[in-house]
């Protein structure tokens, strides 16, 4: 099951600022772990973030081919494809 990372650490780990609607993530290859930065809308909803569809998809697994095709160790916009968490595109630096 997904674990909660403190709000003051997750933006730094993922390497992207929290936005209103997008979920960002980072696959940290050295840790073999994927981190999710939930959207402001998701956080403000008050739900347990482990029950967010993106967390549930992460618990189901990642599409390894998608993540390890140059998308590891960089912040990406997240999506859900089938049951899996996938990177949609790299984040644009702000």
N, C-alpha and C. Protein backbone atom coordinates (compact mmCIF):
# COMPACT_ATOMS: atom_id res chain seq x y z
N UNK A 1 0.84 -1.18 0.00
CA UNK A 1 0.00 0.00 0.00
C UNK A 1 0.88 1.25 0.00
N UNK A 2 0.37 2.30 -0.59
CA UNK A 2 1.09 3.58 -0.65
C UNK A 2 1.33 4.12 0.75
N UNK A 3 2.40 4.89 0.87
CA UNK A 3 2.73 5.54 2.13
C UNK A 3 2.65 7.05 1.94
N UNK A 4 2.26 7.74 3.00
CA UNK A 4 2.18 9.20 2.96
C UNK A 4 3.58 9.78 3.21
N UNK A 5 3.98 10.73 2.37
CA UNK A 5 5.21 11.48 2.55
C UNK A 5 4.80 12.88 2.96
N UNK A 6 5.53 13.47 3.89
CA UNK A 6 5.13 14.79 4.41
C UNK A 6 5.06 15.84 3.29
N UNK A 7 4.11 16.74 3.44
CA UNK A 7 3.86 17.77 2.42
C UNK A 7 5.09 18.65 2.20
N UNK A 8 5.89 18.86 3.24
CA UNK A 8 7.05 19.73 3.08
C UNK A 8 8.20 19.03 2.36
N UNK A 9 8.12 17.72 2.19
CA UNK A 9 9.17 16.97 1.49
C UNK A 9 8.81 16.56 0.07
N UNK A 10 7.54 16.34 -0.19
CA UNK A 10 7.15 15.71 -1.45
C UNK A 10 7.44 16.58 -2.68
N UNK A 11 7.23 17.89 -2.59
CA UNK A 11 7.54 18.75 -3.75
C UNK A 11 9.03 18.69 -4.07
N UNK A 12 9.85 18.65 -3.03
CA UNK A 12 11.30 18.57 -3.24
C UNK A 12 11.70 17.23 -3.84
N UNK A 13 11.12 16.16 -3.35
CA UNK A 13 11.43 14.82 -3.87
C UNK A 13 11.02 14.70 -5.33
N UNK A 14 9.79 15.12 -5.63
CA UNK A 14 9.27 14.99 -6.99
C UNK A 14 9.95 16.00 -7.92
N UNK A 15 10.24 17.19 -7.40
CA UNK A 15 10.91 18.19 -8.22
C UNK A 15 9.97 19.03 -9.05
N UNK A 16 8.75 19.19 -8.56
CA UNK A 16 7.74 20.00 -9.25
C UNK A 16 6.88 20.68 -8.20
N UNK A 17 6.33 21.84 -8.53
CA UNK A 17 5.42 22.51 -7.59
C UNK A 17 4.02 21.91 -7.70
N UNK A 18 3.30 21.91 -6.60
CA UNK A 18 1.92 21.40 -6.60
C UNK A 18 1.06 22.34 -7.44
N UNK A 19 0.23 21.79 -8.29
CA UNK A 19 -0.68 22.59 -9.11
C UNK A 19 -2.13 22.22 -8.79
N UNK A 20 -3.03 22.98 -9.34
CA UNK A 20 -4.46 22.78 -9.04
C UNK A 20 -4.98 21.41 -9.48
N UNK A 21 -4.69 21.01 -10.72
CA UNK A 21 -5.35 19.83 -11.26
C UNK A 21 -4.45 18.65 -11.63
N UNK A 22 -3.16 18.88 -11.81
CA UNK A 22 -2.30 17.80 -12.27
C UNK A 22 -1.63 17.06 -11.12
N UNK A 23 -1.51 15.75 -11.29
CA UNK A 23 -0.73 14.92 -10.38
C UNK A 23 0.64 14.72 -11.04
N UNK A 24 1.69 14.95 -10.28
CA UNK A 24 3.05 14.75 -10.77
C UNK A 24 3.67 13.57 -10.04
N UNK A 25 4.71 13.03 -10.62
CA UNK A 25 5.39 11.93 -9.97
C UNK A 25 6.84 11.86 -10.37
N UNK A 26 7.57 11.03 -9.66
CA UNK A 26 8.98 10.78 -9.97
C UNK A 26 9.30 9.35 -9.57
N UNK A 27 9.89 8.63 -10.50
CA UNK A 27 10.42 7.29 -10.21
C UNK A 27 11.88 7.48 -9.84
N UNK A 28 12.23 7.19 -8.61
CA UNK A 28 13.60 7.34 -8.13
C UNK A 28 14.27 5.98 -8.27
N UNK A 29 15.12 5.88 -9.29
CA UNK A 29 15.71 4.58 -9.61
C UNK A 29 16.58 4.03 -8.49
N UNK A 30 17.31 4.89 -7.79
CA UNK A 30 18.18 4.43 -6.70
C UNK A 30 17.39 3.77 -5.58
N UNK A 31 16.13 4.19 -5.41
CA UNK A 31 15.27 3.64 -4.36
C UNK A 31 14.29 2.60 -4.89
N UNK A 32 14.19 2.51 -6.23
CA UNK A 32 13.17 1.66 -6.85
C UNK A 32 11.80 1.99 -6.28
N UNK A 33 11.50 3.29 -6.27
CA UNK A 33 10.26 3.78 -5.67
C UNK A 33 9.69 4.91 -6.52
N UNK A 34 8.37 4.98 -6.58
CA UNK A 34 7.67 6.05 -7.29
C UNK A 34 6.96 6.92 -6.26
N UNK A 35 7.15 8.23 -6.40
CA UNK A 35 6.51 9.21 -5.52
C UNK A 35 5.45 9.96 -6.31
N UNK A 36 4.33 10.27 -5.63
CA UNK A 36 3.24 11.04 -6.24
C UNK A 36 3.08 12.36 -5.49
N UNK A 37 3.04 13.45 -6.26
CA UNK A 37 2.67 14.76 -5.74
C UNK A 37 1.22 14.99 -6.18
N UNK A 38 0.30 14.86 -5.24
CA UNK A 38 -1.11 14.99 -5.55
C UNK A 38 -1.46 16.44 -5.88
N UNK A 39 -2.45 16.60 -6.73
CA UNK A 39 -2.91 17.93 -7.10
C UNK A 39 -3.49 18.66 -5.88
N UNK A 40 -3.51 19.97 -5.95
CA UNK A 40 -4.11 20.78 -4.88
C UNK A 40 -5.58 20.38 -4.70
N UNK A 41 -6.25 20.15 -5.80
CA UNK A 41 -7.67 19.77 -5.75
C UNK A 41 -7.85 18.46 -4.97
N UNK A 42 -6.98 17.52 -5.21
CA UNK A 42 -7.04 16.22 -4.53
C UNK A 42 -6.79 16.40 -3.03
N UNK A 43 -5.74 17.16 -2.69
CA UNK A 43 -5.41 17.40 -1.29
C UNK A 43 -6.55 18.12 -0.58
N UNK A 44 -7.09 19.16 -1.23
CA UNK A 44 -8.15 19.96 -0.62
C UNK A 44 -9.47 19.19 -0.47
N UNK A 45 -9.62 18.09 -1.20
CA UNK A 45 -10.86 17.32 -1.11
C UNK A 45 -11.02 16.65 0.24
N UNK A 46 -9.90 16.47 0.95
CA UNK A 46 -9.96 15.86 2.27
C UNK A 46 -9.92 14.35 2.27
N UNK A 47 -9.84 13.73 1.10
CA UNK A 47 -9.79 12.27 1.08
C UNK A 47 -8.44 11.78 1.62
N UNK A 48 -8.39 10.56 2.05
CA UNK A 48 -7.13 9.92 2.39
C UNK A 48 -6.39 9.76 1.06
N UNK A 49 -5.22 10.38 0.93
CA UNK A 49 -4.51 10.37 -0.35
C UNK A 49 -4.16 8.96 -0.82
N UNK A 50 -4.14 8.01 0.08
CA UNK A 50 -3.89 6.61 -0.32
C UNK A 50 -5.08 6.02 -1.07
N UNK A 51 -6.23 6.71 -1.01
CA UNK A 51 -7.42 6.26 -1.72
C UNK A 51 -7.64 7.00 -3.04
N UNK A 52 -6.79 7.96 -3.34
CA UNK A 52 -6.84 8.67 -4.61
C UNK A 52 -6.63 7.66 -5.74
N UNK A 53 -7.31 7.81 -6.87
CA UNK A 53 -7.13 6.87 -7.98
C UNK A 53 -5.66 6.71 -8.42
N UNK A 54 -4.86 7.75 -8.29
CA UNK A 54 -3.45 7.65 -8.67
C UNK A 54 -2.69 6.76 -7.69
N UNK A 55 -2.98 6.87 -6.41
CA UNK A 55 -2.35 6.01 -5.41
C UNK A 55 -2.80 4.56 -5.59
N UNK A 56 -4.08 4.38 -5.86
CA UNK A 56 -4.61 3.03 -6.09
C UNK A 56 -3.93 2.41 -7.31
N UNK A 57 -3.76 3.20 -8.38
CA UNK A 57 -3.08 2.70 -9.58
C UNK A 57 -1.62 2.34 -9.26
N UNK A 58 -0.96 3.15 -8.44
CA UNK A 58 0.41 2.85 -8.05
C UNK A 58 0.46 1.54 -7.27
N UNK A 59 -0.50 1.33 -6.40
CA UNK A 59 -0.55 0.08 -5.64
C UNK A 59 -0.74 -1.13 -6.56
N UNK A 60 -1.36 -0.93 -7.71
CA UNK A 60 -1.56 -2.01 -8.68
C UNK A 60 -0.29 -2.27 -9.49
N UNK A 61 0.62 -1.31 -9.46
CA UNK A 61 1.88 -1.46 -10.17
C UNK A 61 2.06 -0.39 -11.23
N UNK A 62 3.28 -0.32 -11.74
CA UNK A 62 3.59 0.64 -12.80
C UNK A 62 3.86 -0.12 -14.08
N UNK A 63 3.70 0.55 -15.18
CA UNK A 63 4.07 -0.01 -16.48
C UNK A 63 5.57 0.24 -16.65
N UNK A 64 6.36 -0.76 -16.35
CA UNK A 64 7.82 -0.63 -16.35
C UNK A 64 8.35 -0.07 -17.67
N UNK A 65 7.83 -0.54 -18.78
CA UNK A 65 8.31 -0.07 -20.09
C UNK A 65 8.13 1.43 -20.24
N UNK A 66 7.03 1.97 -19.72
CA UNK A 66 6.77 3.40 -19.81
C UNK A 66 7.71 4.20 -18.92
N UNK A 67 7.94 3.71 -17.71
CA UNK A 67 8.77 4.46 -16.76
C UNK A 67 10.24 4.39 -17.11
N UNK A 68 10.70 3.23 -17.50
CA UNK A 68 12.13 3.08 -17.74
C UNK A 68 12.48 3.32 -19.19
N UNK A 69 11.72 4.17 -19.84
CA UNK A 69 12.00 4.59 -21.21
C UNK A 69 12.42 6.06 -21.17
N UNK A 70 13.31 6.38 -20.23
CA UNK A 70 13.80 7.74 -20.11
C UNK A 70 12.97 8.61 -19.17
N UNK A 71 12.03 8.02 -18.44
CA UNK A 71 11.17 8.80 -17.55
C UNK A 71 11.52 8.62 -16.08
N UNK A 72 12.58 7.89 -15.77
CA UNK A 72 12.97 7.74 -14.38
C UNK A 72 13.84 8.92 -13.96
N UNK A 73 13.77 9.23 -12.69
CA UNK A 73 14.59 10.29 -12.07
C UNK A 73 14.30 11.69 -12.60
N UNK A 74 13.15 11.90 -13.20
CA UNK A 74 12.71 13.23 -13.63
C UNK A 74 11.23 13.39 -13.26
N UNK A 75 10.80 14.62 -12.98
CA UNK A 75 9.38 14.82 -12.68
C UNK A 75 8.53 14.66 -13.95
N UNK A 76 7.41 13.98 -13.81
CA UNK A 76 6.51 13.74 -14.94
C UNK A 76 5.07 14.00 -14.52
N UNK A 77 4.25 14.34 -15.50
CA UNK A 77 2.80 14.40 -15.29
C UNK A 77 2.31 12.96 -15.31
N UNK A 78 1.47 12.62 -14.34
CA UNK A 78 1.00 11.25 -14.21
C UNK A 78 -0.34 11.02 -14.91
N UNK A 79 -0.54 9.78 -15.30
CA UNK A 79 -1.81 9.34 -15.85
C UNK A 79 -2.08 7.92 -15.38
N UNK A 80 -3.24 7.43 -15.72
CA UNK A 80 -3.61 6.05 -15.40
C UNK A 80 -3.99 5.39 -16.71
N UNK A 81 -3.34 4.30 -17.02
CA UNK A 81 -3.63 3.55 -18.24
C UNK A 81 -3.93 2.12 -17.83
N UNK A 82 -5.17 1.72 -18.07
CA UNK A 82 -5.59 0.41 -17.56
C UNK A 82 -5.53 0.46 -16.06
N UNK A 83 -4.92 -0.53 -15.43
CA UNK A 83 -4.82 -0.49 -13.97
C UNK A 83 -3.56 0.20 -13.46
N UNK A 84 -2.67 0.64 -14.35
CA UNK A 84 -1.33 1.08 -13.95
C UNK A 84 -1.14 2.59 -13.97
N UNK A 85 -0.22 3.04 -13.12
CA UNK A 85 0.23 4.42 -13.10
C UNK A 85 1.29 4.59 -14.19
N UNK A 86 1.14 5.60 -15.04
CA UNK A 86 2.07 5.81 -16.14
C UNK A 86 2.49 7.28 -16.22
N UNK A 87 3.69 7.54 -16.76
CA UNK A 87 4.09 8.91 -17.02
C UNK A 87 3.49 9.36 -18.36
N UNK A 88 2.88 10.53 -18.38
CA UNK A 88 2.31 11.04 -19.61
C UNK A 88 3.32 11.90 -20.38
N UNK A 89 4.02 12.74 -19.63
CA UNK A 89 5.04 13.60 -20.24
C UNK A 89 5.90 14.18 -19.13
N UNK A 90 7.08 14.62 -19.51
CA UNK A 90 7.95 15.26 -18.53
C UNK A 90 7.39 16.63 -18.15
N UNK A 91 7.68 17.06 -16.93
CA UNK A 91 7.26 18.38 -16.48
C UNK A 91 8.11 19.43 -17.14
N UNK A 92 7.52 20.54 -17.44
CA UNK A 92 8.23 21.68 -17.98
C UNK A 92 8.76 22.50 -16.81
N UNK A 93 10.03 22.87 -16.85
CA UNK A 93 10.64 23.64 -15.76
C UNK A 93 9.94 24.99 -15.63
N UNK A 94 9.76 25.43 -14.39
CA UNK A 94 9.11 26.71 -14.13
C UNK A 94 10.09 27.69 -13.57
